[in-house]
């Protein structure tokens, strides 16, 4: 089963300025997308699962397939011209799906740093019971007096 991350920044995107039908359809497509952002559906099927009319779905698809001169993704991906979806055989592809899916959430970042610091601290061993620790050095030989 797949899932999509929905970042709160979507409410500050140009998508959020679109009519409610466009937003509903896009969020529905996010929910239906596979791990690569492919949404397998017919237009009528999308209308049904998004609880929109076929006419609303057609109009919303056109909007999502069209260039958006106000898209915040234009700086990083100008080649997409702010388009959000593209028609492909068997359905649609959410264009920047993998970019957003690969972003770490705050919770994932915290968990990563927690694990990283545990591993880092485990490598630092106390010296002769003191509270101080040193980084282990490979191939270090004691000095003979």
C-alpha atoms as a PDB file:
ATOM      1  CA  UNK A   1       0.000   0.000   0.000  1.00  0.00           C
ATOM      2  CA  UNK A   2       1.333   3.376  -0.942  1.00  0.00           C
ATOM      3  CA  UNK A   3       1.005   6.716   0.761  1.00  0.00           C
ATOM      4  CA  UNK A   4       1.711  10.326  -0.058  1.00  0.00           C
ATOM      5  CA  UNK A   5       3.206  12.979   2.151  1.00  0.00           C
ATOM      6  CA  UNK A   6       1.084  16.084   2.348  1.00  0.00           C
ATOM      7  CA  UNK A   7       3.171  19.008   3.530  1.00  0.00           C
ATOM      8  CA  UNK A   8       1.489  21.935   5.244  1.00  0.00           C
ATOM      9  CA  UNK A   9       3.239  24.228   2.740  1.00  0.00           C
ATOM     10  CA  UNK A  10       0.613  23.177   0.182  1.00  0.00           C
ATOM     11  CA  UNK A  11      -1.628  25.862   1.693  1.00  0.00           C
ATOM     12  CA  UNK A  12       0.894  28.537   0.654  1.00  0.00           C
ATOM     13  CA  UNK A  13       1.282  27.154  -2.865  1.00  0.00           C
ATOM     14  CA  UNK A  14      -0.348  28.517  -5.996  1.00  0.00           C
ATOM     15  CA  UNK A  15      -2.435  25.324  -6.088  1.00  0.00           C
ATOM     16  CA  UNK A  16      -4.312  26.551  -3.035  1.00  0.00           C
ATOM     17  CA  UNK A  17      -5.501  29.563  -5.042  1.00  0.00           C
ATOM     18  CA  UNK A  18      -7.243  27.269  -7.518  1.00  0.00           C
ATOM     19  CA  UNK A  19     -10.974  26.421  -7.271  1.00  0.00           C
ATOM     20  CA  UNK A  20     -11.875  23.831  -4.637  1.00  0.00           C
ATOM     21  CA  UNK A  21     -12.546  21.165  -7.287  1.00  0.00           C
ATOM     22  CA  UNK A  22      -8.924  21.418  -8.495  1.00  0.00           C
ATOM     23  CA  UNK A  23      -7.596  21.077  -4.943  1.00  0.00           C
ATOM     24  CA  UNK A  24      -9.895  18.144  -4.165  1.00  0.00           C
ATOM     25  CA  UNK A  25      -8.881  16.341  -7.339  1.00  0.00           C
ATOM     26  CA  UNK A  26      -5.166  16.892  -6.732  1.00  0.00           C
ATOM     27  CA  UNK A  27      -5.314  15.633  -3.134  1.00  0.00           C
ATOM     28  CA  UNK A  28      -7.352  12.641  -4.345  1.00  0.00           C
ATOM     29  CA  UNK A  29      -4.681  11.933  -6.958  1.00  0.00           C
ATOM     30  CA  UNK A  30      -1.990  12.125  -4.260  1.00  0.00           C
ATOM     31  CA  UNK A  31      -3.935   9.574  -2.217  1.00  0.00           C
ATOM     32  CA  UNK A  32      -4.347   7.239  -5.220  1.00  0.00           C
ATOM     33  CA  UNK A  33      -0.775   7.517  -6.568  1.00  0.00           C
ATOM     34  CA  UNK A  34       1.651   4.620  -6.461  1.00  0.00           C
ATOM     35  CA  UNK A  35       5.218   4.971  -5.129  1.00  0.00           C
ATOM     36  CA  UNK A  36       6.314   6.667  -8.374  1.00  0.00           C
ATOM     37  CA  UNK A  37       3.422   9.120  -8.598  1.00  0.00           C
ATOM     38  CA  UNK A  38       1.426   7.173 -11.192  1.00  0.00           C
ATOM     39  CA  UNK A  39      -2.355   7.435 -10.824  1.00  0.00           C
ATOM     40  CA  UNK A  40      -4.054   4.602 -12.668  1.00  0.00           C
ATOM     41  CA  UNK A  41      -7.571   5.775 -13.479  1.00  0.00           C
ATOM     42  CA  UNK A  42      -9.962   6.901 -16.136  1.00  0.00           C
ATOM     43  CA  UNK A  43     -11.438  10.372 -16.011  1.00  0.00           C
ATOM     44  CA  UNK A  44     -14.796   8.912 -14.931  1.00  0.00           C
ATOM     45  CA  UNK A  45     -13.058   6.837 -12.245  1.00  0.00           C
ATOM     46  CA  UNK A  46     -11.275   9.917 -10.903  1.00  0.00           C
ATOM     47  CA  UNK A  47     -14.580  11.787 -10.832  1.00  0.00           C
ATOM     48  CA  UNK A  48     -16.152   8.987  -8.818  1.00  0.00           C
ATOM     49  CA  UNK A  49     -13.369   8.629  -6.206  1.00  0.00           C
ATOM     50  CA  UNK A  50     -12.949  12.398  -5.796  1.00  0.00           C
ATOM     51  CA  UNK A  51     -16.711  12.900  -5.502  1.00  0.00           C
ATOM     52  CA  UNK A  52     -16.705  15.434  -8.335  1.00  0.00           C
ATOM     53  CA  UNK A  53     -18.805  15.590 -11.479  1.00  0.00           C
ATOM     54  CA  UNK A  54     -17.233  14.486 -14.764  1.00  0.00           C
ATOM     55  CA  UNK A  55     -17.372  18.110 -15.959  1.00  0.00           C
ATOM     56  CA  UNK A  56     -15.605  19.356 -12.788  1.00  0.00           C
ATOM     57  CA  UNK A  57     -12.997  16.619 -13.150  1.00  0.00           C
ATOM     58  CA  UNK A  58     -12.345  17.472 -16.828  1.00  0.00           C
ATOM     59  CA  UNK A  59     -11.913  21.129 -15.959  1.00  0.00           C
ATOM     60  CA  UNK A  60      -9.665  20.335 -13.007  1.00  0.00           C
ATOM     61  CA  UNK A  61      -7.492  17.981 -15.084  1.00  0.00           C
ATOM     62  CA  UNK A  62      -6.987  20.760 -17.640  1.00  0.00           C
ATOM     63  CA  UNK A  63      -5.950  23.132 -14.874  1.00  0.00           C
ATOM     64  CA  UNK A  64      -3.498  20.645 -13.337  1.00  0.00           C
ATOM     65  CA  UNK A  65      -1.989  19.841 -16.762  1.00  0.00           C
ATOM     66  CA  UNK A  66      -1.554  23.519 -17.665  1.00  0.00           C
ATOM     67  CA  UNK A  67       1.509  25.691 -16.988  1.00  0.00           C
ATOM     68  CA  UNK A  68       1.371  27.698 -13.761  1.00  0.00           C
ATOM     69  CA  UNK A  69       3.481  30.874 -13.928  1.00  0.00           C
ATOM     70  CA  UNK A  70       3.171  31.270 -10.139  1.00  0.00           C
ATOM     71  CA  UNK A  71       4.341  27.788  -9.172  1.00  0.00           C
ATOM     72  CA  UNK A  72       7.011  27.708  -6.483  1.00  0.00           C
ATOM     73  CA  UNK A  73       8.612  24.759  -8.304  1.00  0.00           C
ATOM     74  CA  UNK A  74       9.574  26.900 -11.325  1.00  0.00           C
ATOM     75  CA  UNK A  75      12.963  27.768  -9.830  1.00  0.00           C
ATOM     76  CA  UNK A  76      13.997  24.128  -9.361  1.00  0.00           C
ATOM     77  CA  UNK A  77      12.183  22.599 -12.339  1.00  0.00           C
ATOM     78  CA  UNK A  78      11.559  25.238 -15.012  1.00  0.00           C
ATOM     79  CA  UNK A  79      11.145  22.524 -17.661  1.00  0.00           C
ATOM     80  CA  UNK A  80       7.762  21.558 -16.135  1.00  0.00           C
ATOM     81  CA  UNK A  81       6.475  25.152 -16.398  1.00  0.00           C
ATOM     82  CA  UNK A  82       4.596  24.654 -13.123  1.00  0.00           C
ATOM     83  CA  UNK A  83       2.485  21.771 -14.453  1.00  0.00           C
ATOM     84  CA  UNK A  84       1.360  19.398 -11.733  1.00  0.00           C
ATOM     85  CA  UNK A  85       0.282  16.333 -13.706  1.00  0.00           C
ATOM     86  CA  UNK A  86       0.875  14.790 -17.129  1.00  0.00           C
ATOM     87  CA  UNK A  87      -1.323  12.360 -19.048  1.00  0.00           C
ATOM     88  CA  UNK A  88       0.361   8.984 -19.554  1.00  0.00           C
ATOM     89  CA  UNK A  89      -0.978   5.644 -20.842  1.00  0.00           C
ATOM     90  CA  UNK A  90      -3.454   4.306 -18.291  1.00  0.00           C
ATOM     91  CA  UNK A  91      -3.762   7.448 -16.205  1.00  0.00           C
ATOM     92  CA  UNK A  92      -1.705  10.411 -15.035  1.00  0.00           C
ATOM     93  CA  UNK A  93       1.683  11.033 -13.510  1.00  0.00           C
ATOM     94  CA  UNK A  94       2.098  13.538 -10.686  1.00  0.00           C
ATOM     95  CA  UNK A  95       5.119  15.406 -11.972  1.00  0.00           C
ATOM     96  CA  UNK A  96       7.043  16.287  -8.792  1.00  0.00           C
ATOM     97  CA  UNK A  97       5.785  13.350  -6.736  1.00  0.00           C
ATOM     98  CA  UNK A  98       9.179  11.767  -6.090  1.00  0.00           C
ATOM     99  CA  UNK A  99      10.727  15.113  -5.121  1.00  0.00           C
ATOM    100  CA  UNK A 100       8.166  15.643  -2.370  1.00  0.00           C
ATOM    101  CA  UNK A 101       8.080  11.985  -1.339  1.00  0.00           C
ATOM    102  CA  UNK A 102      11.828  12.016  -0.758  1.00  0.00           C
ATOM    103  CA  UNK A 103      11.719  15.053   1.524  1.00  0.00           C
ATOM    104  CA  UNK A 104      12.133  14.146   5.140  1.00  0.00           C
ATOM    105  CA  UNK A 105       9.439  15.213   7.525  1.00  0.00           C
ATOM    106  CA  UNK A 106      10.369  16.842  10.842  1.00  0.00           C
ATOM    107  CA  UNK A 107       9.682  13.580  12.647  1.00  0.00           C
ATOM    108  CA  UNK A 108      11.855  11.593  10.240  1.00  0.00           C
ATOM    109  CA  UNK A 109      14.639  14.156  10.674  1.00  0.00           C
ATOM    110  CA  UNK A 110      14.450  13.875  14.472  1.00  0.00           C
ATOM    111  CA  UNK A 111      14.511  10.068  14.287  1.00  0.00           C
ATOM    112  CA  UNK A 112      17.483  10.143  11.896  1.00  0.00           C
ATOM    113  CA  UNK A 113      19.429  12.505  14.166  1.00  0.00           C
ATOM    114  CA  UNK A 114      18.566  10.436  17.255  1.00  0.00           C
ATOM    115  CA  UNK A 115      19.927   7.283  15.604  1.00  0.00           C
ATOM    116  CA  UNK A 116      22.955   9.122  14.228  1.00  0.00           C
ATOM    117  CA  UNK A 117      23.869  10.546  17.647  1.00  0.00           C
ATOM    118  CA  UNK A 118      23.405   7.143  19.341  1.00  0.00           C
ATOM    119  CA  UNK A 119      25.807   5.589  16.862  1.00  0.00           C
ATOM    120  CA  UNK A 120      28.235   8.506  17.215  1.00  0.00           C
ATOM    121  CA  UNK A 121      28.230   8.243  21.024  1.00  0.00           C
ATOM    122  CA  UNK A 122      28.638   4.457  20.891  1.00  0.00           C
ATOM    123  CA  UNK A 123      31.883   4.923  18.950  1.00  0.00           C
ATOM    124  CA  UNK A 124      33.246   7.246  21.642  1.00  0.00           C
ATOM    125  CA  UNK A 125      34.365   5.076  24.529  1.00  0.00           C
ATOM    126  CA  UNK A 126      35.235   6.318  28.034  1.00  0.00           C
ATOM    127  CA  UNK A 127      38.944   6.213  28.875  1.00  0.00           C
ATOM    128  CA  UNK A 128      39.763   4.271  32.063  1.00  0.00           C
ATOM    129  CA  UNK A 129      36.391   4.937  33.677  1.00  0.00           C
ATOM    130  CA  UNK A 130      36.653   8.703  33.359  1.00  0.00           C
ATOM    131  CA  UNK A 131      33.756  10.852  32.179  1.00  0.00           C
ATOM    132  CA  UNK A 132      35.836  11.951  29.229  1.00  0.00           C
ATOM    133  CA  UNK A 133      35.868  10.062  25.999  1.00  0.00           C
ATOM    134  CA  UNK A 134      38.060   9.887  22.978  1.00  0.00           C
ATOM    135  CA  UNK A 135      37.515   8.908  19.394  1.00  0.00           C
ATOM    136  CA  UNK A 136      38.988   5.488  18.737  1.00  0.00           C
ATOM    137  CA  UNK A 137      41.935   5.618  16.377  1.00  0.00           C
ATOM    138  CA  UNK A 138      42.614   2.574  14.236  1.00  0.00           C
ATOM    139  CA  UNK A 139      46.139   1.199  14.177  1.00  0.00           C
ATOM    140  CA  UNK A 140      47.125   3.200  17.260  1.00  0.00           C
ATOM    141  CA  UNK A 141      49.860   1.476  19.231  1.00  0.00           C
ATOM    142  CA  UNK A 142      50.786   2.291  22.828  1.00  0.00           C
ATOM    143  CA  UNK A 143      54.140   3.945  23.383  1.00  0.00           C
ATOM    144  CA  UNK A 144      56.677   1.723  25.050  1.00  0.00           C
ATOM    145  CA  UNK A 145      58.784   3.372  27.721  1.00  0.00           C
END
